[in-house]
């Protein structure tokens, strides 16, 4: 069994308090032997971070202490000459093992950042992919990750209150389409609607029945998954997909 978790953050008046609050929840998840944890997109006040190692030093210590993988969120980040939105992945050794750039900038982001061009599968605890917020809207991103071998999708998100219902629909449909769990973390504030979501499925008489768990307030939750049980249904689903023009 693999334990996968998400952290839902509320607004804080300064970033040090926000990081301390997140660290406390990460420790609780670590004590429960959670394998992978995902935080929301841009959950800090200062959302441009050029040095992930320095900013998330405490998270790196926690990841190493509990042999846990932490997706620290997604933030504006300078790479070479370009500004991107990137999710740093901290491995169980306490080192940053990779980053996933946002493939689809949303609205005003198009004029600020360079779009990512590569979707990656990370191997730490299991094989997983990271979709940053708006990437969830595009079905080919999740499908590409599944076909590259991802067993689960995790999504740092920042969804406004009026967007929660369609966001939940996208998350659950991606889960059903690709026969894999999807966990998406959001911020809760006067502007952002929280209700971070963990999806799962149960097969009943040949039909996959979806289920979901939602978070409230500033909180963290994990769920246990037998990721092997999805492999045959996922392979079957992909093999049923015919090419067309």
C-alpha atoms as a PDB file:
ATOM      1  CA  UNK A   1       0.000   0.000   0.000  1.00  0.00           C
ATOM      2  CA  UNK A   2       1.127   3.545  -0.790  1.00  0.00           C
ATOM      3  CA  UNK A   3       0.144   6.488   1.402  1.00  0.00           C
ATOM      4  CA  UNK A   4      -0.461   9.715  -0.540  1.00  0.00           C
ATOM      5  CA  UNK A   5      -1.336  13.034   1.062  1.00  0.00           C
ATOM      6  CA  UNK A   6      -2.176  16.669   0.419  1.00  0.00           C
ATOM      7  CA  UNK A   7      -1.914  19.835   2.479  1.00  0.00           C
ATOM      8  CA  UNK A   8      -4.472  22.653   2.239  1.00  0.00           C
ATOM      9  CA  UNK A   9      -3.126  26.047   3.281  1.00  0.00           C
ATOM     10  CA  UNK A  10      -4.904  29.181   4.453  1.00  0.00           C
ATOM     11  CA  UNK A  11      -3.629  32.740   4.035  1.00  0.00           C
ATOM     12  CA  UNK A  12      -0.980  33.912   6.553  1.00  0.00           C
ATOM     13  CA  UNK A  13       0.222  37.428   7.252  1.00  0.00           C
ATOM     14  CA  UNK A  14       3.849  36.426   6.694  1.00  0.00           C
ATOM     15  CA  UNK A  15       5.616  33.612   4.932  1.00  0.00           C
ATOM     16  CA  UNK A  16       7.617  32.367   7.905  1.00  0.00           C
ATOM     17  CA  UNK A  17       4.401  31.597   9.778  1.00  0.00           C
ATOM     18  CA  UNK A  18       2.958  29.927   6.684  1.00  0.00           C
ATOM     19  CA  UNK A  19       6.025  27.700   6.282  1.00  0.00           C
ATOM     20  CA  UNK A  20       5.987  26.838   9.990  1.00  0.00           C
ATOM     21  CA  UNK A  21       2.293  25.858   9.755  1.00  0.00           C
ATOM     22  CA  UNK A  22       2.939  23.733   6.672  1.00  0.00           C
ATOM     23  CA  UNK A  23       5.932  22.102   8.365  1.00  0.00           C
ATOM     24  CA  UNK A  24       3.789  21.062  11.344  1.00  0.00           C
ATOM     25  CA  UNK A  25       1.321  19.353   9.014  1.00  0.00           C
ATOM     26  CA  UNK A  26       4.108  17.684   7.064  1.00  0.00           C
ATOM     27  CA  UNK A  27       5.490  16.275  10.310  1.00  0.00           C
ATOM     28  CA  UNK A  28       2.085  14.853  11.213  1.00  0.00           C
ATOM     29  CA  UNK A  29       1.868  13.189   7.818  1.00  0.00           C
ATOM     30  CA  UNK A  30       5.433  11.951   8.197  1.00  0.00           C
ATOM     31  CA  UNK A  31       4.609  10.336  11.542  1.00  0.00           C
ATOM     32  CA  UNK A  32       1.785   8.506   9.730  1.00  0.00           C
ATOM     33  CA  UNK A  33       4.377   7.184   7.257  1.00  0.00           C
ATOM     34  CA  UNK A  34       2.939   9.085   4.295  1.00  0.00           C
ATOM     35  CA  UNK A  35       5.012   8.413   1.185  1.00  0.00           C
ATOM     36  CA  UNK A  36       4.244  11.505  -0.946  1.00  0.00           C
ATOM     37  CA  UNK A  37       2.688  14.858  -0.004  1.00  0.00           C
ATOM     38  CA  UNK A  38       1.586  17.715  -2.275  1.00  0.00           C
ATOM     39  CA  UNK A  39       1.045  21.375  -1.332  1.00  0.00           C
ATOM     40  CA  UNK A  40      -0.926  24.010  -3.320  1.00  0.00           C
ATOM     41  CA  UNK A  41       0.294  26.370  -6.023  1.00  0.00           C
ATOM     42  CA  UNK A  42       1.564  29.795  -4.887  1.00  0.00           C
ATOM     43  CA  UNK A  43       0.518  29.455  -1.250  1.00  0.00           C
ATOM     44  CA  UNK A  44       3.059  31.999   0.002  1.00  0.00           C
ATOM     45  CA  UNK A  45       2.812  35.799  -0.137  1.00  0.00           C
ATOM     46  CA  UNK A  46       6.131  36.024  -1.981  1.00  0.00           C
ATOM     47  CA  UNK A  47       5.509  33.603  -4.788  1.00  0.00           C
ATOM     48  CA  UNK A  48       8.704  34.091  -6.749  1.00  0.00           C
ATOM     49  CA  UNK A  49      11.354  31.758  -5.372  1.00  0.00           C
ATOM     50  CA  UNK A  50      14.708  31.572  -7.111  1.00  0.00           C
ATOM     51  CA  UNK A  51      16.400  29.356  -4.516  1.00  0.00           C
ATOM     52  CA  UNK A  52      14.183  26.388  -3.654  1.00  0.00           C
ATOM     53  CA  UNK A  53      16.884  24.792  -1.496  1.00  0.00           C
ATOM     54  CA  UNK A  54      17.111  27.792   0.818  1.00  0.00           C
ATOM     55  CA  UNK A  55      13.377  28.546   0.966  1.00  0.00           C
ATOM     56  CA  UNK A  56      12.340  24.993   1.707  1.00  0.00           C
ATOM     57  CA  UNK A  57      15.236  24.014   3.944  1.00  0.00           C
ATOM     58  CA  UNK A  58      12.807  22.972   6.711  1.00  0.00           C
ATOM     59  CA  UNK A  59      10.805  20.820   4.299  1.00  0.00           C
ATOM     60  CA  UNK A  60      14.012  19.121   3.176  1.00  0.00           C
ATOM     61  CA  UNK A  61      14.819  18.236   6.800  1.00  0.00           C
ATOM     62  CA  UNK A  62      11.339  16.792   7.310  1.00  0.00           C
ATOM     63  CA  UNK A  63      11.492  14.800   4.063  1.00  0.00           C
ATOM     64  CA  UNK A  64      14.798  13.277   5.147  1.00  0.00           C
ATOM     65  CA  UNK A  65      13.624  12.587   8.711  1.00  0.00           C
ATOM     66  CA  UNK A  66      10.521  10.687   7.578  1.00  0.00           C
ATOM     67  CA  UNK A  67      11.799   9.321   4.237  1.00  0.00           C
ATOM     68  CA  UNK A  68       8.977  11.236   2.562  1.00  0.00           C
ATOM     69  CA  UNK A  69       8.653  12.890  -0.850  1.00  0.00           C
ATOM     70  CA  UNK A  70       7.313  16.459  -0.729  1.00  0.00           C
ATOM     71  CA  UNK A  71       5.968  18.461  -3.663  1.00  0.00           C
ATOM     72  CA  UNK A  72       6.407  21.880  -2.061  1.00  0.00           C
ATOM     73  CA  UNK A  73       3.852  23.635  -4.265  1.00  0.00           C
ATOM     74  CA  UNK A  74       4.492  25.593  -7.474  1.00  0.00           C
ATOM     75  CA  UNK A  75       6.036  29.048  -7.734  1.00  0.00           C
ATOM     76  CA  UNK A  76       7.464  31.612 -10.117  1.00  0.00           C
ATOM     77  CA  UNK A  77      11.066  30.555 -10.621  1.00  0.00           C
ATOM     78  CA  UNK A  78      13.933  31.857 -12.759  1.00  0.00           C
ATOM     79  CA  UNK A  79      15.541  29.281 -15.044  1.00  0.00           C
ATOM     80  CA  UNK A  80      18.426  30.522 -17.119  1.00  0.00           C
ATOM     81  CA  UNK A  81      16.890  33.530 -18.925  1.00  0.00           C
ATOM     82  CA  UNK A  82      13.250  32.563 -18.514  1.00  0.00           C
ATOM     83  CA  UNK A  83      10.678  32.901 -15.756  1.00  0.00           C
ATOM     84  CA  UNK A  84       8.555  29.774 -15.298  1.00  0.00           C
ATOM     85  CA  UNK A  85       6.112  28.390 -12.751  1.00  0.00           C
ATOM     86  CA  UNK A  86       7.780  25.306 -11.339  1.00  0.00           C
ATOM     87  CA  UNK A  87       7.036  22.652  -8.724  1.00  0.00           C
ATOM     88  CA  UNK A  88      10.108  21.476  -6.757  1.00  0.00           C
ATOM     89  CA  UNK A  89      10.063  17.820  -5.724  1.00  0.00           C
ATOM     90  CA  UNK A  90      11.975  17.017  -2.534  1.00  0.00           C
ATOM     91  CA  UNK A  91      12.967  13.368  -2.294  1.00  0.00           C
ATOM     92  CA  UNK A  92      13.242  11.181   0.813  1.00  0.00           C
ATOM     93  CA  UNK A  93      16.978  11.933   0.979  1.00  0.00           C
ATOM     94  CA  UNK A  94      16.141  15.597   1.599  1.00  0.00           C
ATOM     95  CA  UNK A  95      17.454  16.681  -1.796  1.00  0.00           C
ATOM     96  CA  UNK A  96      15.472  18.255  -4.619  1.00  0.00           C
ATOM     97  CA  UNK A  97      15.202  15.409  -7.113  1.00  0.00           C
ATOM     98  CA  UNK A  98      13.556  17.384  -9.890  1.00  0.00           C
ATOM     99  CA  UNK A  99      11.157  20.121 -10.937  1.00  0.00           C
ATOM    100  CA  UNK A 100       8.045  20.134 -13.089  1.00  0.00           C
ATOM    101  CA  UNK A 101       7.282  23.313 -15.022  1.00  0.00           C
ATOM    102  CA  UNK A 102       3.736  24.442 -15.705  1.00  0.00           C
ATOM    103  CA  UNK A 103       2.809  23.474 -19.264  1.00  0.00           C
ATOM    104  CA  UNK A 104      -0.242  25.733 -19.624  1.00  0.00           C
ATOM    105  CA  UNK A 105       0.029  29.275 -18.206  1.00  0.00           C
ATOM    106  CA  UNK A 106      -3.372  30.605 -17.182  1.00  0.00           C
ATOM    107  CA  UNK A 107      -4.768  33.970 -18.304  1.00  0.00           C
ATOM    108  CA  UNK A 108      -2.401  36.754 -17.135  1.00  0.00           C
ATOM    109  CA  UNK A 109       0.428  34.221 -16.624  1.00  0.00           C
ATOM    110  CA  UNK A 110       0.828  33.952 -20.403  1.00  0.00           C
ATOM    111  CA  UNK A 111       2.463  37.392 -20.475  1.00  0.00           C
ATOM    112  CA  UNK A 112       4.743  36.646 -17.514  1.00  0.00           C
ATOM    113  CA  UNK A 113       6.158  33.147 -17.868  1.00  0.00           C
ATOM    114  CA  UNK A 114       7.582  30.697 -20.343  1.00  0.00           C
ATOM    115  CA  UNK A 115       5.375  27.624 -20.814  1.00  0.00           C
ATOM    116  CA  UNK A 116       6.893  24.278 -19.919  1.00  0.00           C
ATOM    117  CA  UNK A 117       7.582  21.899 -22.788  1.00  0.00           C
ATOM    118  CA  UNK A 118       8.198  18.561 -21.070  1.00  0.00           C
ATOM    119  CA  UNK A 119       6.067  16.459 -18.758  1.00  0.00           C
ATOM    120  CA  UNK A 120       7.975  14.174 -16.413  1.00  0.00           C
ATOM    121  CA  UNK A 121       7.367  11.007 -14.433  1.00  0.00           C
ATOM    122  CA  UNK A 122       9.129  10.960 -11.065  1.00  0.00           C
ATOM    123  CA  UNK A 123      10.084   7.761  -9.253  1.00  0.00           C
ATOM    124  CA  UNK A 124       9.991   8.176  -5.487  1.00  0.00           C
ATOM    125  CA  UNK A 125       7.610   6.099  -3.400  1.00  0.00           C
ATOM    126  CA  UNK A 126       5.852   5.231  -6.658  1.00  0.00           C
ATOM    127  CA  UNK A 127       5.774   6.577 -10.209  1.00  0.00           C
ATOM    128  CA  UNK A 128       3.930   9.897 -10.246  1.00  0.00           C
ATOM    129  CA  UNK A 129       3.319  12.939 -12.386  1.00  0.00           C
ATOM    130  CA  UNK A 130       2.685  16.554 -11.413  1.00  0.00           C
ATOM    131  CA  UNK A 131       0.048  18.710 -13.117  1.00  0.00           C
ATOM    132  CA  UNK A 132       0.157  22.348 -12.030  1.00  0.00           C
ATOM    133  CA  UNK A 133      -3.345  23.819 -11.711  1.00  0.00           C
ATOM    134  CA  UNK A 134      -4.498  24.723 -15.276  1.00  0.00           C
ATOM    135  CA  UNK A 135      -2.667  21.686 -16.681  1.00  0.00           C
ATOM    136  CA  UNK A 136      -5.528  19.613 -15.255  1.00  0.00           C
ATOM    137  CA  UNK A 137      -7.903  21.080 -17.863  1.00  0.00           C
ATOM    138  CA  UNK A 138      -6.060  19.454 -20.763  1.00  0.00           C
ATOM    139  CA  UNK A 139      -6.707  15.733 -20.996  1.00  0.00           C
ATOM    140  CA  UNK A 140      -3.595  14.952 -23.029  1.00  0.00           C
ATOM    141  CA  UNK A 141      -1.286  15.981 -20.169  1.00  0.00           C
ATOM    142  CA  UNK A 142      -2.717  13.377 -17.796  1.00  0.00           C
ATOM    143  CA  UNK A 143      -2.910  10.776 -20.563  1.00  0.00           C
ATOM    144  CA  UNK A 144       0.721  11.361 -21.542  1.00  0.00           C
ATOM    145  CA  UNK A 145       1.791  10.861 -17.933  1.00  0.00           C
ATOM    146  CA  UNK A 146      -0.197   7.649 -17.706  1.00  0.00           C
ATOM    147  CA  UNK A 147       1.311   6.324 -20.908  1.00  0.00           C
ATOM    148  CA  UNK A 148       4.776   7.240 -19.636  1.00  0.00           C
ATOM    149  CA  UNK A 149       4.179   5.026 -16.625  1.00  0.00           C
ATOM    150  CA  UNK A 150       2.743   7.307 -13.922  1.00  0.00           C
ATOM    151  CA  UNK A 151       0.646   5.472 -11.321  1.00  0.00           C
ATOM    152  CA  UNK A 152      -0.810   8.571  -9.682  1.00  0.00           C
ATOM    153  CA  UNK A 153      -1.235  12.275 -10.459  1.00  0.00           C
ATOM    154  CA  UNK A 154      -0.644  15.076  -7.950  1.00  0.00           C
ATOM    155  CA  UNK A 155      -1.623  18.667  -8.567  1.00  0.00           C
ATOM    156  CA  UNK A 156      -0.547  21.877  -6.801  1.00  0.00           C
ATOM    157  CA  UNK A 157      -3.518  24.164  -7.506  1.00  0.00           C
ATOM    158  CA  UNK A 158      -4.864  27.634  -6.774  1.00  0.00           C
ATOM    159  CA  UNK A 159      -8.574  27.653  -7.569  1.00  0.00           C
ATOM    160  CA  UNK A 160     -10.895  30.601  -6.913  1.00  0.00           C
ATOM    161  CA  UNK A 161     -14.195  29.954  -5.175  1.00  0.00           C
ATOM    162  CA  UNK A 162     -16.351  30.183  -8.313  1.00  0.00           C
ATOM    163  CA  UNK A 163     -14.121  27.611 -10.017  1.00  0.00           C
ATOM    164  CA  UNK A 164     -14.356  24.801  -7.455  1.00  0.00           C
ATOM    165  CA  UNK A 165     -17.219  22.849  -9.074  1.00  0.00           C
ATOM    166  CA  UNK A 166     -15.659  22.623 -12.561  1.00  0.00           C
ATOM    167  CA  UNK A 167     -12.225  21.954 -11.021  1.00  0.00           C
ATOM    168  CA  UNK A 168     -13.595  18.969  -9.114  1.00  0.00           C
ATOM    169  CA  UNK A 169     -15.135  17.713 -12.345  1.00  0.00           C
ATOM    170  CA  UNK A 170     -11.814  17.953 -14.198  1.00  0.00           C
ATOM    171  CA  UNK A 171      -9.972  16.134 -11.399  1.00  0.00           C
ATOM    172  CA  UNK A 172     -12.471  13.290 -11.228  1.00  0.00           C
ATOM    173  CA  UNK A 173     -12.678  12.906 -15.011  1.00  0.00           C
ATOM    174  CA  UNK A 174      -8.872  12.719 -15.307  1.00  0.00           C
ATOM    175  CA  UNK A 175      -8.947  10.005 -12.662  1.00  0.00           C
ATOM    176  CA  UNK A 176     -11.606   8.016 -14.525  1.00  0.00           C
ATOM    177  CA  UNK A 177     -10.051   8.527 -17.963  1.00  0.00           C
ATOM    178  CA  UNK A 178      -6.675   7.250 -16.849  1.00  0.00           C
ATOM    179  CA  UNK A 179      -7.713   4.757 -14.169  1.00  0.00           C
ATOM    180  CA  UNK A 180      -5.514   6.245 -11.480  1.00  0.00           C
ATOM    181  CA  UNK A 181      -5.888   8.274  -8.269  1.00  0.00           C
ATOM    182  CA  UNK A 182      -5.579  12.053  -8.514  1.00  0.00           C
ATOM    183  CA  UNK A 183      -4.808  14.279  -5.521  1.00  0.00           C
ATOM    184  CA  UNK A 184      -5.120  18.062  -5.910  1.00  0.00           C
ATOM    185  CA  UNK A 185      -4.212  20.605  -3.208  1.00  0.00           C
ATOM    186  CA  UNK A 186      -5.783  24.076  -3.035  1.00  0.00           C
ATOM    187  CA  UNK A 187      -5.615  27.230  -0.905  1.00  0.00           C
ATOM    188  CA  UNK A 188      -8.508  28.327   1.302  1.00  0.00           C
ATOM    189  CA  UNK A 189      -9.040  32.085   1.723  1.00  0.00           C
ATOM    190  CA  UNK A 190     -11.605  34.777   0.943  1.00  0.00           C
ATOM    191  CA  UNK A 191     -10.593  34.403  -2.724  1.00  0.00           C
ATOM    192  CA  UNK A 192      -9.601  30.751  -3.091  1.00  0.00           C
ATOM    193  CA  UNK A 193     -12.114  28.024  -2.408  1.00  0.00           C
ATOM    194  CA  UNK A 194     -10.154  25.262  -0.680  1.00  0.00           C
ATOM    195  CA  UNK A 195     -11.894  21.859  -0.893  1.00  0.00           C
ATOM    196  CA  UNK A 196      -8.703  20.065  -1.867  1.00  0.00           C
ATOM    197  CA  UNK A 197      -9.624  16.685  -3.302  1.00  0.00           C
ATOM    198  CA  UNK A 198      -8.439  13.072  -3.164  1.00  0.00           C
ATOM    199  CA  UNK A 199     -10.030  10.770  -5.752  1.00  0.00           C
ATOM    200  CA  UNK A 200     -10.239   7.000  -5.814  1.00  0.00           C
ATOM    201  CA  UNK A 201     -12.187   4.358  -7.744  1.00  0.00           C
ATOM    202  CA  UNK A 202     -13.736   0.989  -7.038  1.00  0.00           C
ATOM    203  CA  UNK A 203     -14.639  -1.498  -9.755  1.00  0.00           C
ATOM    204  CA  UNK A 204     -18.172  -2.864  -9.485  1.00  0.00           C
ATOM    205  CA  UNK A 205     -19.486  -5.311 -12.078  1.00  0.00           C
ATOM    206  CA  UNK A 206     -17.052  -3.995 -14.692  1.00  0.00           C
ATOM    207  CA  UNK A 207     -17.770  -0.312 -13.989  1.00  0.00           C
ATOM    208  CA  UNK A 208     -15.365   2.050 -12.220  1.00  0.00           C
ATOM    209  CA  UNK A 209     -17.239   3.917  -9.490  1.00  0.00           C
ATOM    210  CA  UNK A 210     -15.468   7.127  -8.408  1.00  0.00           C
ATOM    211  CA  UNK A 211     -15.210   8.395  -4.852  1.00  0.00           C
ATOM    212  CA  UNK A 212     -13.719  11.547  -3.398  1.00  0.00           C
ATOM    213  CA  UNK A 213     -12.527  13.024  -0.124  1.00  0.00           C
ATOM    214  CA  UNK A 214     -12.488  16.802   0.431  1.00  0.00           C
ATOM    215  CA  UNK A 215     -10.464  18.890   2.899  1.00  0.00           C
ATOM    216  CA  UNK A 216     -11.774  21.805   4.948  1.00  0.00           C
ATOM    217  CA  UNK A 217      -9.839  24.619   6.583  1.00  0.00           C
ATOM    218  CA  UNK A 218      -6.085  24.510   6.958  1.00  0.00           C
ATOM    219  CA  UNK A 219      -5.547  20.793   7.118  1.00  0.00           C
ATOM    220  CA  UNK A 220      -3.732  17.728   5.829  1.00  0.00           C
ATOM    221  CA  UNK A 221      -4.974  14.290   4.911  1.00  0.00           C
ATOM    222  CA  UNK A 222      -3.610  11.098   3.449  1.00  0.00           C
ATOM    223  CA  UNK A 223      -5.187   8.036   1.901  1.00  0.00           C
ATOM    224  CA  UNK A 224      -3.839   4.547   1.280  1.00  0.00           C
ATOM    225  CA  UNK A 225      -3.822   3.132  -2.240  1.00  0.00           C
ATOM    226  CA  UNK A 226      -3.065  -0.240  -3.749  1.00  0.00           C
ATOM    227  CA  UNK A 227      -1.647   1.193  -6.953  1.00  0.00           C
ATOM    228  CA  UNK A 228      -1.256  -2.200  -8.590  1.00  0.00           C
ATOM    229  CA  UNK A 229      -5.022  -2.676  -8.756  1.00  0.00           C
ATOM    230  CA  UNK A 230      -5.321   0.119 -11.333  1.00  0.00           C
ATOM    231  CA  UNK A 231      -2.680  -1.222 -13.730  1.00  0.00           C
ATOM    232  CA  UNK A 232      -4.848  -3.727 -15.621  1.00  0.00           C
ATOM    233  CA  UNK A 233      -7.869  -1.383 -15.982  1.00  0.00           C
ATOM    234  CA  UNK A 234      -5.552   1.447 -17.121  1.00  0.00           C
ATOM    235  CA  UNK A 235      -3.851  -0.746 -19.715  1.00  0.00           C
ATOM    236  CA  UNK A 236      -7.244  -1.907 -20.957  1.00  0.00           C
ATOM    237  CA  UNK A 237      -8.558   1.663 -21.184  1.00  0.00           C
ATOM    238  CA  UNK A 238      -5.559   2.874 -23.180  1.00  0.00           C
ATOM    239  CA  UNK A 239      -5.730  -0.132 -25.529  1.00  0.00           C
ATOM    240  CA  UNK A 240      -9.383   0.711 -26.303  1.00  0.00           C
ATOM    241  CA  UNK A 241      -8.413   4.163 -27.592  1.00  0.00           C
ATOM    242  CA  UNK A 242      -8.414   4.135 -31.414  1.00  0.00           C
ATOM    243  CA  UNK A 243      -6.720   6.706 -33.626  1.00  0.00           C
ATOM    244  CA  UNK A 244      -8.971   8.903 -35.708  1.00  0.00           C
ATOM    245  CA  UNK A 245      -8.850  12.030 -37.841  1.00  0.00           C
END
